Amino acid sequence: MLLGPLWLMAASPYKNPKNFSQAFNVFKKLDFDYTRTMFSNEKYEYDPRSCLDKFYLKSDHKQKVVFVRIVPEAMLLKRRKCGTEEICTRYDGSKFKGSRCCRTTDKLYQQYDADIFNIMPVVKKHQKMAIEPPLCARGNIARVYLYMNATYGLGLSQKQQIQYLKWHQQDPVDAKECDLHDKIVAIQGRSNPWIRSSCETLRSKSSKSLQE
């Protein structure tokens, strides 16, 4: 059985990340108490020789686990000037656009890039399942999309928002999601209202149950 290094237990609170690389490194440490993939809910572990750089399924070390964005970068880039117009200049004077441009000029993109809520662990071959995820993952994904839409202006259609609200109801929050949410809020100072309100209801019911 692989055991996590002792420094993981003493590393909190973490610094607010400034980019995606820092964000997913923080997420990996926060998720270390759970270490289950999003879509297939399989246990994963890391290769201790890699300093938390390489992860794989506990049941099959040939299956690599990766940490990816839930809301893809392209959804925001197409709605930001830096993603659609060549407003940045290279050293040779040529113009360019895209994520590299947004990363240096757009504060909203920078916040998106470093948002810990937008990260999930998946088996590498399952990355495209976000289009139609299994029931056990739909609520988690829906709540992130609703939060990201409200925070970053993704421009989700009414039909899409209704679909995500349906997923939110079909697959309600659980104790793990609430715990992870609270840890992320403590780091980056923003909460996901769809998770927060559900957790408040969940805890209220739990408290009443204990009093009865």
N, C-alpha and C. Protein backbone atom coordinates (compact mmCIF):
# COMPACT_ATOMS: atom_id res chain seq x y z
N MET A 1 0.84 -1.20 0.00
CA MET A 1 0.00 0.00 0.00
C MET A 1 0.88 1.24 0.00
N LEU A 2 0.58 2.18 -0.91
CA LEU A 2 1.36 3.40 -0.99
C LEU A 2 0.84 4.42 -0.01
N LEU A 3 1.73 5.06 0.69
CA LEU A 3 1.34 6.08 1.66
C LEU A 3 1.79 7.44 1.17
N GLY A 4 0.99 8.44 1.42
CA GLY A 4 1.34 9.79 1.00
C GLY A 4 2.45 10.36 1.87
N PRO A 5 3.28 11.24 1.34
CA PRO A 5 4.34 11.86 2.13
C PRO A 5 3.75 12.70 3.25
N LEU A 6 4.45 12.74 4.36
CA LEU A 6 3.95 13.43 5.55
C LEU A 6 3.72 14.91 5.32
N TRP A 7 4.50 15.53 4.41
CA TRP A 7 4.36 16.97 4.21
C TRP A 7 3.00 17.34 3.64
N LEU A 8 2.30 16.39 3.02
CA LEU A 8 0.98 16.70 2.47
C LEU A 8 0.01 17.12 3.56
N MET A 9 0.14 16.51 4.74
CA MET A 9 -0.79 16.79 5.82
C MET A 9 -0.52 18.14 6.47
N ALA A 10 0.66 18.70 6.23
CA ALA A 10 1.02 19.95 6.88
C ALA A 10 1.12 21.11 5.89
N ALA A 11 0.73 20.87 4.64
CA ALA A 11 0.93 21.87 3.59
C ALA A 11 -0.22 22.87 3.47
N SER A 12 -1.30 22.71 4.21
CA SER A 12 -2.44 23.63 4.12
C SER A 12 -2.31 24.75 5.16
N PRO A 13 -2.80 25.95 4.90
CA PRO A 13 -3.47 26.35 3.66
C PRO A 13 -2.49 26.59 2.52
N TYR A 14 -2.95 26.34 1.30
CA TYR A 14 -2.13 26.54 0.12
C TYR A 14 -2.29 27.96 -0.38
N LYS A 15 -1.31 28.42 -1.12
CA LYS A 15 -1.39 29.76 -1.71
C LYS A 15 -2.38 29.75 -2.88
N ASN A 16 -3.03 30.87 -3.06
CA ASN A 16 -3.96 31.02 -4.18
C ASN A 16 -3.18 30.87 -5.49
N PRO A 17 -3.53 29.89 -6.33
CA PRO A 17 -2.77 29.67 -7.57
C PRO A 17 -2.91 30.83 -8.54
N LYS A 18 -1.90 30.97 -9.40
CA LYS A 18 -1.89 32.06 -10.37
C LYS A 18 -2.10 31.57 -11.80
N ASN A 19 -2.03 30.28 -12.03
CA ASN A 19 -2.22 29.72 -13.38
C ASN A 19 -2.68 28.28 -13.26
N PHE A 20 -2.96 27.65 -14.40
CA PHE A 20 -3.50 26.30 -14.40
C PHE A 20 -2.52 25.30 -13.78
N SER A 21 -1.25 25.45 -14.08
CA SER A 21 -0.25 24.52 -13.54
C SER A 21 -0.26 24.53 -12.01
N GLN A 22 -0.30 25.71 -11.42
CA GLN A 22 -0.35 25.83 -9.96
C GLN A 22 -1.68 25.30 -9.43
N ALA A 23 -2.76 25.57 -10.15
CA ALA A 23 -4.10 25.15 -9.71
C ALA A 23 -4.22 23.64 -9.66
N PHE A 24 -3.75 22.95 -10.69
CA PHE A 24 -3.92 21.51 -10.65
C PHE A 24 -2.95 20.85 -9.68
N ASN A 25 -1.83 21.50 -9.38
CA ASN A 25 -0.95 20.97 -8.34
C ASN A 25 -1.60 21.08 -6.96
N VAL A 26 -2.32 22.19 -6.72
CA VAL A 26 -3.06 22.33 -5.47
C VAL A 26 -4.19 21.31 -5.41
N PHE A 27 -4.93 21.16 -6.52
CA PHE A 27 -6.04 20.22 -6.54
C PHE A 27 -5.57 18.80 -6.23
N LYS A 28 -4.45 18.40 -6.79
CA LYS A 28 -3.94 17.04 -6.55
C LYS A 28 -3.74 16.79 -5.06
N LYS A 29 -3.26 17.81 -4.36
CA LYS A 29 -3.03 17.65 -2.92
C LYS A 29 -4.34 17.66 -2.14
N LEU A 30 -5.29 18.51 -2.56
CA LEU A 30 -6.59 18.53 -1.89
C LEU A 30 -7.33 17.21 -2.10
N ASP A 31 -7.18 16.62 -3.26
CA ASP A 31 -7.91 15.40 -3.61
C ASP A 31 -7.23 14.14 -3.07
N PHE A 32 -6.11 14.32 -2.40
CA PHE A 32 -5.33 13.16 -1.96
C PHE A 32 -6.08 12.31 -0.94
N ASP A 33 -7.04 12.89 -0.23
CA ASP A 33 -7.84 12.12 0.73
C ASP A 33 -8.85 11.22 0.05
N TYR A 34 -9.14 11.50 -1.23
CA TYR A 34 -10.19 10.76 -1.94
C TYR A 34 -9.63 9.90 -3.07
N THR A 35 -8.83 10.51 -3.90
CA THR A 35 -8.16 9.84 -5.03
C THR A 35 -9.07 8.87 -5.78
N ARG A 36 -10.17 9.42 -6.29
CA ARG A 36 -11.05 8.64 -7.16
C ARG A 36 -11.32 9.43 -8.44
N THR A 37 -11.31 8.74 -9.56
CA THR A 37 -11.51 9.39 -10.84
C THR A 37 -12.96 9.85 -10.99
N MET A 38 -13.16 10.88 -11.79
CA MET A 38 -14.48 11.49 -11.91
C MET A 38 -15.51 10.58 -12.57
N PHE A 39 -15.22 10.07 -13.75
CA PHE A 39 -16.24 9.34 -14.50
C PHE A 39 -16.44 7.90 -14.03
N SER A 40 -15.35 7.21 -13.81
CA SER A 40 -15.46 5.78 -13.47
C SER A 40 -15.38 5.50 -11.98
N ASN A 41 -15.10 6.54 -11.18
CA ASN A 41 -15.03 6.40 -9.72
C ASN A 41 -14.06 5.29 -9.30
N GLU A 42 -12.93 5.22 -9.99
CA GLU A 42 -11.92 4.22 -9.69
C GLU A 42 -10.81 4.82 -8.83
N LYS A 43 -10.27 4.03 -7.95
CA LYS A 43 -9.21 4.49 -7.07
C LYS A 43 -7.93 4.70 -7.87
N TYR A 44 -7.25 5.83 -7.61
CA TYR A 44 -5.97 6.05 -8.26
C TYR A 44 -4.90 6.35 -7.22
N GLU A 45 -3.67 6.23 -7.63
CA GLU A 45 -2.54 6.51 -6.75
C GLU A 45 -1.39 7.07 -7.57
N TYR A 46 -0.39 7.61 -6.89
CA TYR A 46 0.71 8.22 -7.62
C TYR A 46 1.97 7.38 -7.50
N ASP A 47 2.85 7.58 -8.45
CA ASP A 47 4.15 6.92 -8.44
C ASP A 47 5.07 7.71 -7.51
N PRO A 48 5.46 7.15 -6.36
CA PRO A 48 6.27 7.90 -5.40
C PRO A 48 7.63 8.34 -5.95
N ARG A 49 8.04 7.74 -7.05
CA ARG A 49 9.32 8.14 -7.67
C ARG A 49 9.18 9.41 -8.50
N SER A 50 7.94 9.87 -8.70
CA SER A 50 7.71 11.01 -9.59
C SER A 50 7.36 12.30 -8.87
N CYS A 51 7.34 12.31 -7.53
CA CYS A 51 7.00 13.52 -6.77
C CYS A 51 5.63 14.09 -7.18
N LEU A 52 4.62 13.23 -7.19
CA LEU A 52 3.25 13.61 -7.52
C LEU A 52 3.09 14.06 -8.97
N ASP A 53 3.95 13.62 -9.87
CA ASP A 53 3.83 13.98 -11.28
C ASP A 53 3.14 12.90 -12.11
N LYS A 54 3.20 11.65 -11.66
CA LYS A 54 2.61 10.56 -12.43
C LYS A 54 1.58 9.81 -11.58
N PHE A 55 0.38 9.67 -12.15
CA PHE A 55 -0.71 8.98 -11.46
C PHE A 55 -1.27 7.88 -12.35
N TYR A 56 -1.76 6.82 -11.71
CA TYR A 56 -2.37 5.73 -12.46
C TYR A 56 -3.41 5.03 -11.60
N LEU A 57 -4.24 4.23 -12.26
CA LEU A 57 -5.25 3.50 -11.52
C LEU A 57 -4.59 2.49 -10.58
N LYS A 58 -5.15 2.37 -9.40
CA LYS A 58 -4.60 1.42 -8.44
C LYS A 58 -4.74 -0.01 -8.95
N SER A 59 -5.83 -0.27 -9.68
CA SER A 59 -6.09 -1.62 -10.18
C SER A 59 -5.35 -1.95 -11.46
N ASP A 60 -4.82 -0.92 -12.14
CA ASP A 60 -4.15 -1.14 -13.42
C ASP A 60 -3.18 0.00 -13.68
N HIS A 61 -1.91 -0.23 -13.38
CA HIS A 61 -0.91 0.82 -13.52
C HIS A 61 -0.64 1.22 -14.96
N LYS A 62 -1.21 0.50 -15.92
CA LYS A 62 -1.05 0.88 -17.31
C LYS A 62 -2.03 2.00 -17.69
N GLN A 63 -3.04 2.20 -16.83
CA GLN A 63 -4.04 3.23 -17.08
C GLN A 63 -3.64 4.53 -16.38
N LYS A 64 -3.25 5.52 -17.16
CA LYS A 64 -2.78 6.79 -16.61
C LYS A 64 -3.94 7.67 -16.21
N VAL A 65 -3.80 8.37 -15.09
CA VAL A 65 -4.79 9.34 -14.61
C VAL A 65 -4.24 10.74 -14.84
N VAL A 66 -5.06 11.60 -15.42
CA VAL A 66 -4.64 12.97 -15.71
C VAL A 66 -5.62 13.96 -15.07
N PHE A 67 -5.17 15.18 -14.86
CA PHE A 67 -6.00 16.23 -14.27
C PHE A 67 -6.31 17.24 -15.37
N VAL A 68 -7.59 17.41 -15.65
CA VAL A 68 -8.00 18.22 -16.80
C VAL A 68 -9.02 19.28 -16.40
N ARG A 69 -9.23 20.24 -17.28
CA ARG A 69 -10.26 21.25 -17.08
C ARG A 69 -11.64 20.64 -17.36
N ILE A 70 -12.61 21.00 -16.55
CA ILE A 70 -13.99 20.59 -16.80
C ILE A 70 -14.57 21.44 -17.91
N VAL A 71 -14.50 22.75 -17.77
CA VAL A 71 -14.90 23.67 -18.84
C VAL A 71 -13.68 23.96 -19.69
N PRO A 72 -13.69 23.53 -20.95
CA PRO A 72 -12.50 23.70 -21.79
C PRO A 72 -12.15 25.15 -22.06
N GLU A 73 -10.88 25.38 -22.24
CA GLU A 73 -10.36 26.72 -22.47
C GLU A 73 -11.01 27.40 -23.68
N ALA A 74 -11.31 26.64 -24.72
CA ALA A 74 -11.86 27.21 -25.95
C ALA A 74 -13.18 27.94 -25.71
N MET A 75 -13.96 27.50 -24.73
CA MET A 75 -15.25 28.14 -24.46
C MET A 75 -15.08 29.58 -24.00
N LEU A 76 -14.02 29.85 -23.25
CA LEU A 76 -13.79 31.22 -22.79
C LEU A 76 -13.03 32.04 -23.84
N LEU A 77 -12.07 31.42 -24.50
CA LEU A 77 -11.26 32.14 -25.48
C LEU A 77 -12.12 32.77 -26.57
N LYS A 78 -13.17 32.07 -27.00
CA LYS A 78 -13.98 32.61 -28.09
C LYS A 78 -14.84 33.80 -27.65
N ARG A 79 -14.86 34.07 -26.34
CA ARG A 79 -15.65 35.19 -25.82
C ARG A 79 -14.76 36.32 -25.28
N ARG A 80 -13.46 36.17 -25.44
CA ARG A 80 -12.54 37.21 -24.97
C ARG A 80 -11.80 37.82 -26.17
N LYS A 81 -11.59 39.11 -26.13
CA LYS A 81 -10.93 39.81 -27.23
C LYS A 81 -9.55 39.23 -27.51
N CYS A 82 -8.83 38.89 -26.44
CA CYS A 82 -7.48 38.35 -26.59
C CYS A 82 -7.49 36.96 -27.24
N GLY A 83 -8.66 36.31 -27.22
CA GLY A 83 -8.76 34.99 -27.83
C GLY A 83 -9.22 35.03 -29.27
N THR A 84 -9.78 36.15 -29.69
CA THR A 84 -10.33 36.25 -31.04
C THR A 84 -9.64 37.28 -31.92
N GLU A 85 -8.91 38.22 -31.31
CA GLU A 85 -8.24 39.26 -32.09
C GLU A 85 -6.75 39.28 -31.76
N GLU A 86 -5.93 39.54 -32.74
CA GLU A 86 -4.47 39.56 -32.56
C GLU A 86 -4.06 40.89 -31.92
N ILE A 87 -4.17 40.94 -30.59
CA ILE A 87 -3.87 42.19 -29.89
C ILE A 87 -2.52 42.15 -29.18
N CYS A 88 -1.89 40.99 -29.18
CA CYS A 88 -0.58 40.86 -28.52
C CYS A 88 0.53 40.89 -29.57
N THR A 89 1.72 41.31 -29.14
CA THR A 89 2.85 41.48 -30.06
C THR A 89 4.05 40.65 -29.62
N ARG A 90 4.61 39.89 -30.56
CA ARG A 90 5.82 39.12 -30.28
C ARG A 90 7.04 40.04 -30.37
N TYR A 91 8.20 39.48 -29.98
CA TYR A 91 9.43 40.26 -30.03
C TYR A 91 9.77 40.72 -31.44
N ASP A 92 9.36 39.93 -32.44
CA ASP A 92 9.67 40.30 -33.82
C ASP A 92 8.64 41.25 -34.42
N GLY A 93 7.66 41.68 -33.60
CA GLY A 93 6.67 42.63 -34.06
C GLY A 93 5.40 42.00 -34.62
N SER A 94 5.38 40.70 -34.81
CA SER A 94 4.18 40.04 -35.33
C SER A 94 3.11 39.94 -34.25
N LYS A 95 1.87 39.94 -34.69
CA LYS A 95 0.74 39.91 -33.77
C LYS A 95 0.25 38.47 -33.54
N PHE A 96 -0.37 38.24 -32.36
CA PHE A 96 -0.93 36.92 -32.10
C PHE A 96 -2.09 37.04 -31.11
N LYS A 97 -2.86 35.97 -31.02
CA LYS A 97 -4.01 35.88 -30.12
C LYS A 97 -3.98 34.50 -29.46
N GLY A 98 -4.98 34.24 -28.63
CA GLY A 98 -5.07 32.92 -28.03
C GLY A 98 -4.71 32.90 -26.55
N SER A 99 -4.55 31.70 -26.01
CA SER A 99 -4.33 31.55 -24.57
C SER A 99 -3.08 32.26 -24.08
N ARG A 100 -2.01 32.22 -24.86
CA ARG A 100 -0.77 32.89 -24.44
C ARG A 100 -1.00 34.39 -24.33
N CYS A 101 -1.74 34.96 -25.27
CA CYS A 101 -2.05 36.40 -25.23
C CYS A 101 -2.94 36.72 -24.03
N CYS A 102 -3.99 35.90 -23.83
CA CYS A 102 -4.91 36.15 -22.71
C CYS A 102 -4.23 36.00 -21.36
N ARG A 103 -3.27 35.09 -21.31
CA ARG A 103 -2.59 34.83 -20.04
C ARG A 103 -1.81 36.05 -19.56
N THR A 104 -1.43 36.92 -20.47
CA THR A 104 -0.63 38.09 -20.10
C THR A 104 -1.43 39.40 -20.10
N THR A 105 -2.64 39.40 -20.68
CA THR A 105 -3.36 40.66 -20.83
C THR A 105 -4.76 40.68 -20.21
N ASP A 106 -5.35 39.53 -19.95
CA ASP A 106 -6.76 39.46 -19.57
C ASP A 106 -6.92 38.93 -18.15
N LYS A 107 -7.33 39.80 -17.23
CA LYS A 107 -7.45 39.41 -15.82
C LYS A 107 -8.52 38.35 -15.60
N LEU A 108 -9.62 38.43 -16.36
CA LEU A 108 -10.68 37.43 -16.20
C LEU A 108 -10.19 36.07 -16.66
N TYR A 109 -9.46 36.04 -17.77
CA TYR A 109 -8.89 34.77 -18.24
C TYR A 109 -7.90 34.22 -17.21
N GLN A 110 -7.09 35.09 -16.64
CA GLN A 110 -6.11 34.65 -15.64
C GLN A 110 -6.80 34.00 -14.45
N GLN A 111 -7.94 34.56 -14.04
CA GLN A 111 -8.70 33.98 -12.94
C GLN A 111 -9.27 32.62 -13.35
N TYR A 112 -9.80 32.55 -14.57
CA TYR A 112 -10.31 31.27 -15.09
C TYR A 112 -9.20 30.23 -15.11
N ASP A 113 -8.05 30.62 -15.61
CA ASP A 113 -6.92 29.70 -15.78
C ASP A 113 -6.50 29.07 -14.46
N ALA A 114 -6.68 29.81 -13.36
CA ALA A 114 -6.21 29.35 -12.05
C ALA A 114 -7.34 28.85 -11.15
N ASP A 115 -8.55 28.70 -11.69
CA ASP A 115 -9.70 28.33 -10.86
C ASP A 115 -9.67 26.83 -10.52
N ILE A 116 -9.52 26.53 -9.24
CA ILE A 116 -9.40 25.14 -8.79
C ILE A 116 -10.71 24.37 -8.96
N PHE A 117 -11.84 25.06 -8.95
CA PHE A 117 -13.12 24.38 -9.13
C PHE A 117 -13.21 23.68 -10.48
N ASN A 118 -12.44 24.15 -11.45
CA ASN A 118 -12.56 23.68 -12.83
C ASN A 118 -11.63 22.51 -13.15
N ILE A 119 -11.26 21.73 -12.16
CA ILE A 119 -10.31 20.64 -12.37
C ILE A 119 -10.89 19.32 -11.89
N MET A 120 -10.60 18.25 -12.61
CA MET A 120 -11.05 16.92 -12.20
C MET A 120 -10.03 15.87 -12.63
N PRO A 121 -9.91 14.78 -11.87
CA PRO A 121 -9.04 13.67 -12.27
C PRO A 121 -9.83 12.66 -13.09
N VAL A 122 -9.28 12.25 -14.22
CA VAL A 122 -9.94 11.26 -15.07
C VAL A 122 -8.91 10.27 -15.61
N VAL A 123 -9.40 9.07 -15.92
CA VAL A 123 -8.56 8.13 -16.64
C VAL A 123 -8.34 8.72 -18.03
N LYS A 124 -7.11 8.72 -18.51
CA LYS A 124 -6.77 9.44 -19.73
C LYS A 124 -7.69 9.09 -20.90
N LYS A 125 -8.07 7.83 -21.02
CA LYS A 125 -8.91 7.42 -22.15
C LYS A 125 -10.36 7.89 -22.01
N HIS A 126 -10.73 8.45 -20.82
CA HIS A 126 -12.09 8.90 -20.57
C HIS A 126 -12.27 10.41 -20.71
N GLN A 127 -11.29 11.12 -21.19
CA GLN A 127 -11.33 12.59 -21.20
C GLN A 127 -12.53 13.15 -21.94
N LYS A 128 -13.00 12.49 -22.98
CA LYS A 128 -14.10 13.01 -23.79
C LYS A 128 -15.48 12.68 -23.23
N MET A 129 -15.53 12.00 -22.10
CA MET A 129 -16.82 11.61 -21.53
C MET A 129 -17.58 12.78 -20.93
N ALA A 130 -16.95 13.94 -20.83
CA ALA A 130 -17.63 15.12 -20.27
C ALA A 130 -18.82 15.54 -21.14
N ILE A 131 -18.81 15.13 -22.42
CA ILE A 131 -19.91 15.48 -23.32
C ILE A 131 -21.21 14.83 -22.84
N GLU A 132 -21.14 13.59 -22.44
CA GLU A 132 -22.29 12.88 -21.89
C GLU A 132 -21.82 11.99 -20.75
N PRO A 133 -21.53 12.58 -19.61
CA PRO A 133 -20.95 11.83 -18.49
C PRO A 133 -21.96 10.87 -17.86
N PRO A 134 -21.47 9.85 -17.15
CA PRO A 134 -22.37 8.95 -16.44
C PRO A 134 -23.09 9.69 -15.32
N LEU A 135 -24.20 9.13 -14.86
CA LEU A 135 -25.03 9.79 -13.86
C LEU A 135 -24.24 10.19 -12.62
N CYS A 136 -23.30 9.36 -12.18
CA CYS A 136 -22.56 9.64 -10.95
C CYS A 136 -21.68 10.87 -11.05
N ALA A 137 -21.44 11.37 -12.28
CA ALA A 137 -20.56 12.54 -12.46
C ALA A 137 -21.30 13.76 -12.97
N ARG A 138 -22.55 13.58 -13.39
CA ARG A 138 -23.27 14.68 -14.04
C ARG A 138 -23.47 15.89 -13.12
N GLY A 139 -23.84 15.64 -11.88
CA GLY A 139 -24.07 16.75 -10.96
C GLY A 139 -22.82 17.56 -10.71
N ASN A 140 -21.69 16.87 -10.49
CA ASN A 140 -20.43 17.56 -10.24
C ASN A 140 -20.06 18.45 -11.43
N ILE A 141 -20.20 17.91 -12.63
CA ILE A 141 -19.86 18.66 -13.83
C ILE A 141 -20.83 19.81 -14.06
N ALA A 142 -22.12 19.55 -13.85
CA ALA A 142 -23.13 20.59 -14.04
C ALA A 142 -22.91 21.77 -13.12
N ARG A 143 -22.60 21.50 -11.87
CA ARG A 143 -22.42 22.59 -10.90
C ARG A 143 -21.20 23.44 -11.24
N VAL A 144 -20.19 22.84 -11.83
CA VAL A 144 -19.03 23.61 -12.27
C VAL A 144 -19.39 24.46 -13.49
N TYR A 145 -20.11 23.90 -14.44
CA TYR A 145 -20.51 24.66 -15.62
C TYR A 145 -21.39 25.86 -15.24
N LEU A 146 -22.34 25.64 -14.34
CA LEU A 146 -23.22 26.73 -13.92
C LEU A 146 -22.43 27.84 -13.22
N TYR A 147 -21.49 27.44 -12.37
CA TYR A 147 -20.63 28.40 -11.66
C TYR A 147 -19.72 29.15 -12.64
N MET A 148 -19.10 28.42 -13.55
CA MET A 148 -18.20 29.04 -14.51
C MET A 148 -18.94 29.98 -15.45
N ASN A 149 -20.16 29.61 -15.82
CA ASN A 149 -20.97 30.46 -16.69
C ASN A 149 -21.30 31.79 -15.99
N ALA A 150 -21.67 31.70 -14.71
CA ALA A 150 -22.00 32.90 -13.95
C ALA A 150 -20.77 33.76 -13.68
N THR A 151 -19.63 33.13 -13.47
CA THR A 151 -18.40 33.84 -13.10
C THR A 151 -17.66 34.41 -14.31
N TYR A 152 -17.63 33.65 -15.40
CA TYR A 152 -16.79 34.04 -16.54
C TYR A 152 -17.55 34.35 -17.82
N GLY A 153 -18.88 34.29 -17.77
CA GLY A 153 -19.66 34.65 -18.95
C GLY A 153 -19.45 33.72 -20.12
N LEU A 154 -19.68 32.45 -19.93
CA LEU A 154 -19.48 31.48 -21.00
C LEU A 154 -20.54 31.58 -22.09
N GLY A 155 -21.66 32.21 -21.77
CA GLY A 155 -22.70 32.36 -22.77
C GLY A 155 -23.50 31.09 -22.99
N LEU A 156 -23.70 30.28 -21.95
CA LEU A 156 -24.51 29.07 -22.09
C LEU A 156 -25.93 29.44 -22.50
N SER A 157 -26.50 28.69 -23.40
CA SER A 157 -27.87 28.93 -23.84
C SER A 157 -28.84 28.53 -22.73
N GLN A 158 -30.07 28.99 -22.86
CA GLN A 158 -31.09 28.62 -21.88
C GLN A 158 -31.27 27.11 -21.85
N LYS A 159 -31.23 26.48 -23.01
CA LYS A 159 -31.36 25.03 -23.10
C LYS A 159 -30.24 24.33 -22.34
N GLN A 160 -29.01 24.82 -22.50
CA GLN A 160 -27.86 24.22 -21.81
C GLN A 160 -27.99 24.40 -20.30
N GLN A 161 -28.40 25.59 -19.86
CA GLN A 161 -28.55 25.83 -18.43
C GLN A 161 -29.63 24.94 -17.82
N ILE A 162 -30.71 24.75 -18.54
CA ILE A 162 -31.78 23.86 -18.05
C ILE A 162 -31.26 22.43 -17.93
N GLN A 163 -30.46 22.02 -18.92
CA GLN A 163 -29.88 20.67 -18.89
C GLN A 163 -28.98 20.50 -17.67
N TYR A 164 -28.12 21.49 -17.41
CA TYR A 164 -27.21 21.39 -16.26
C TYR A 164 -27.97 21.44 -14.93
N LEU A 165 -29.02 22.21 -14.87
CA LEU A 165 -29.84 22.23 -13.65
C LEU A 165 -30.50 20.88 -13.43
N LYS A 166 -30.88 20.23 -14.51
CA LYS A 166 -31.46 18.88 -14.42
C LYS A 166 -30.42 17.90 -13.89
N TRP A 167 -29.20 17.98 -14.42
CA TRP A 167 -28.12 17.11 -13.94
C TRP A 167 -27.84 17.39 -12.46
N HIS A 168 -27.86 18.66 -12.10
CA HIS A 168 -27.63 19.08 -10.71
C HIS A 168 -28.62 18.40 -9.77
N GLN A 169 -29.87 18.29 -10.20
CA GLN A 169 -30.90 17.66 -9.37
C GLN A 169 -30.81 16.14 -9.40
N GLN A 170 -30.43 15.58 -10.55
CA GLN A 170 -30.34 14.13 -10.69
C GLN A 170 -29.21 13.55 -9.84
N ASP A 171 -28.13 14.29 -9.73
CA ASP A 171 -26.93 13.82 -9.03
C ASP A 171 -26.55 14.85 -7.97
N PRO A 172 -27.20 14.83 -6.80
CA PRO A 172 -26.97 15.86 -5.77
C PRO A 172 -25.57 15.78 -5.15
N VAL A 173 -25.20 16.84 -4.46
CA VAL A 173 -23.89 16.90 -3.81
C VAL A 173 -23.78 15.84 -2.72
N ASP A 174 -22.56 15.45 -2.42
CA ASP A 174 -22.32 14.53 -1.31
C ASP A 174 -21.29 15.15 -0.38
N ALA A 175 -20.97 14.46 0.69
CA ALA A 175 -20.06 14.99 1.70
C ALA A 175 -18.68 15.30 1.13
N LYS A 176 -18.21 14.47 0.20
CA LYS A 176 -16.89 14.69 -0.40
C LYS A 176 -16.87 16.01 -1.16
N GLU A 177 -17.90 16.25 -1.97
CA GLU A 177 -17.95 17.47 -2.76
C GLU A 177 -18.01 18.71 -1.87
N CYS A 178 -18.75 18.60 -0.76
CA CYS A 178 -18.85 19.71 0.18
C CYS A 178 -17.50 19.99 0.84
N ASP A 179 -16.81 18.95 1.24
CA ASP A 179 -15.52 19.10 1.90
C ASP A 179 -14.50 19.73 0.95
N LEU A 180 -14.46 19.23 -0.28
CA LEU A 180 -13.52 19.76 -1.27
C LEU A 180 -13.86 21.22 -1.60
N HIS A 181 -15.16 21.53 -1.68
CA HIS A 181 -15.60 22.90 -1.94
C HIS A 181 -15.10 23.85 -0.86
N ASP A 182 -15.25 23.45 0.41
CA ASP A 182 -14.83 24.32 1.51
C ASP A 182 -13.33 24.57 1.49
N LYS A 183 -12.56 23.54 1.12
CA LYS A 183 -11.10 23.70 1.05
C LYS A 183 -10.70 24.64 -0.08
N ILE A 184 -11.41 24.56 -1.20
CA ILE A 184 -11.10 25.44 -2.33
C ILE A 184 -11.47 26.88 -1.99
N VAL A 185 -12.61 27.08 -1.35
CA VAL A 185 -13.04 28.42 -0.95
C VAL A 185 -12.00 29.06 -0.03
N ALA A 186 -11.45 28.27 0.89
CA ALA A 186 -10.45 28.78 1.83
C ALA A 186 -9.20 29.26 1.11
N ILE A 187 -8.93 28.71 -0.07
CA ILE A 187 -7.73 29.06 -0.82
C ILE A 187 -7.97 30.25 -1.75
N GLN A 188 -9.03 30.17 -2.57
CA GLN A 188 -9.21 31.21 -3.58
C GLN A 188 -10.30 32.23 -3.27
N GLY A 189 -11.02 32.04 -2.16
CA GLY A 189 -11.94 33.07 -1.69
C GLY A 189 -13.26 33.17 -2.43
N ARG A 190 -13.52 32.29 -3.40
CA ARG A 190 -14.79 32.29 -4.13
C ARG A 190 -15.49 30.97 -3.90
N SER A 191 -16.81 31.02 -3.75
CA SER A 191 -17.56 29.80 -3.56
C SER A 191 -18.41 29.52 -4.79
N ASN A 192 -18.81 28.28 -4.93
CA ASN A 192 -19.73 27.88 -5.98
C ASN A 192 -21.12 27.83 -5.35
N PRO A 193 -22.02 28.78 -5.68
CA PRO A 193 -23.32 28.86 -5.01
C PRO A 193 -24.16 27.60 -5.15
N TRP A 194 -24.02 26.88 -6.25
CA TRP A 194 -24.81 25.66 -6.44
C TRP A 194 -24.34 24.55 -5.50
N ILE A 195 -23.05 24.53 -5.21
CA ILE A 195 -22.54 23.56 -4.24
C ILE A 195 -22.81 24.05 -2.82
N ARG A 196 -22.53 25.32 -2.57
CA ARG A 196 -22.67 25.87 -1.23
C ARG A 196 -24.09 25.72 -0.68
N SER A 197 -25.08 26.10 -1.47
CA SER A 197 -26.46 26.02 -0.99
C SER A 197 -26.89 24.57 -0.75
N SER A 198 -26.43 23.68 -1.62
CA SER A 198 -26.77 22.26 -1.45
C SER A 198 -26.10 21.69 -0.20
N CYS A 199 -24.87 22.11 0.05
CA CYS A 199 -24.16 21.63 1.24
C CYS A 199 -24.82 22.14 2.52
N GLU A 200 -25.31 23.38 2.48
CA GLU A 200 -26.00 23.92 3.65
C GLU A 200 -27.26 23.11 3.95
N THR A 201 -27.99 22.74 2.91
CA THR A 201 -29.18 21.91 3.09
C THR A 201 -28.81 20.53 3.60
N LEU A 202 -27.76 19.95 3.02
CA LEU A 202 -27.31 18.62 3.43
C LEU A 202 -26.89 18.60 4.89
N ARG A 203 -26.16 19.62 5.31
CA ARG A 203 -25.69 19.68 6.70
C ARG A 203 -26.83 19.95 7.66
N SER A 204 -27.81 20.75 7.22
CA SER A 204 -28.98 21.04 8.05
C SER A 204 -29.77 19.76 8.32
N LYS A 205 -29.96 18.96 7.27
CA LYS A 205 -30.68 17.70 7.43
C LYS A 205 -29.92 16.75 8.34
N SER A 206 -28.60 16.73 8.18
CA SER A 206 -27.77 15.85 9.01
C SER A 206 -27.84 16.26 10.48
N SER A 207 -27.83 17.60 10.72
CA SER A 207 -27.88 18.11 12.08
C SER A 207 -29.23 17.77 12.75
N LYS A 208 -30.31 17.92 12.00
CA LYS A 208 -31.64 17.62 12.52
C LYS A 208 -31.78 16.14 12.83
N SER A 209 -31.17 15.31 11.97
CA SER A 209 -31.23 13.87 12.16
C SER A 209 -30.52 13.45 13.44
N LEU A 210 -29.40 14.13 13.74
CA LEU A 210 -28.65 13.81 14.96
C LEU A 210 -29.40 14.25 16.21
N GLN A 211 -30.20 15.30 16.10
CA GLN A 211 -30.94 15.83 17.25
C GLN A 211 -32.18 15.01 17.57
N GLU A 212 -32.66 14.25 16.59
CA GLU A 212 -33.88 13.48 16.80
C GLU A 212 -33.62 12.19 17.59
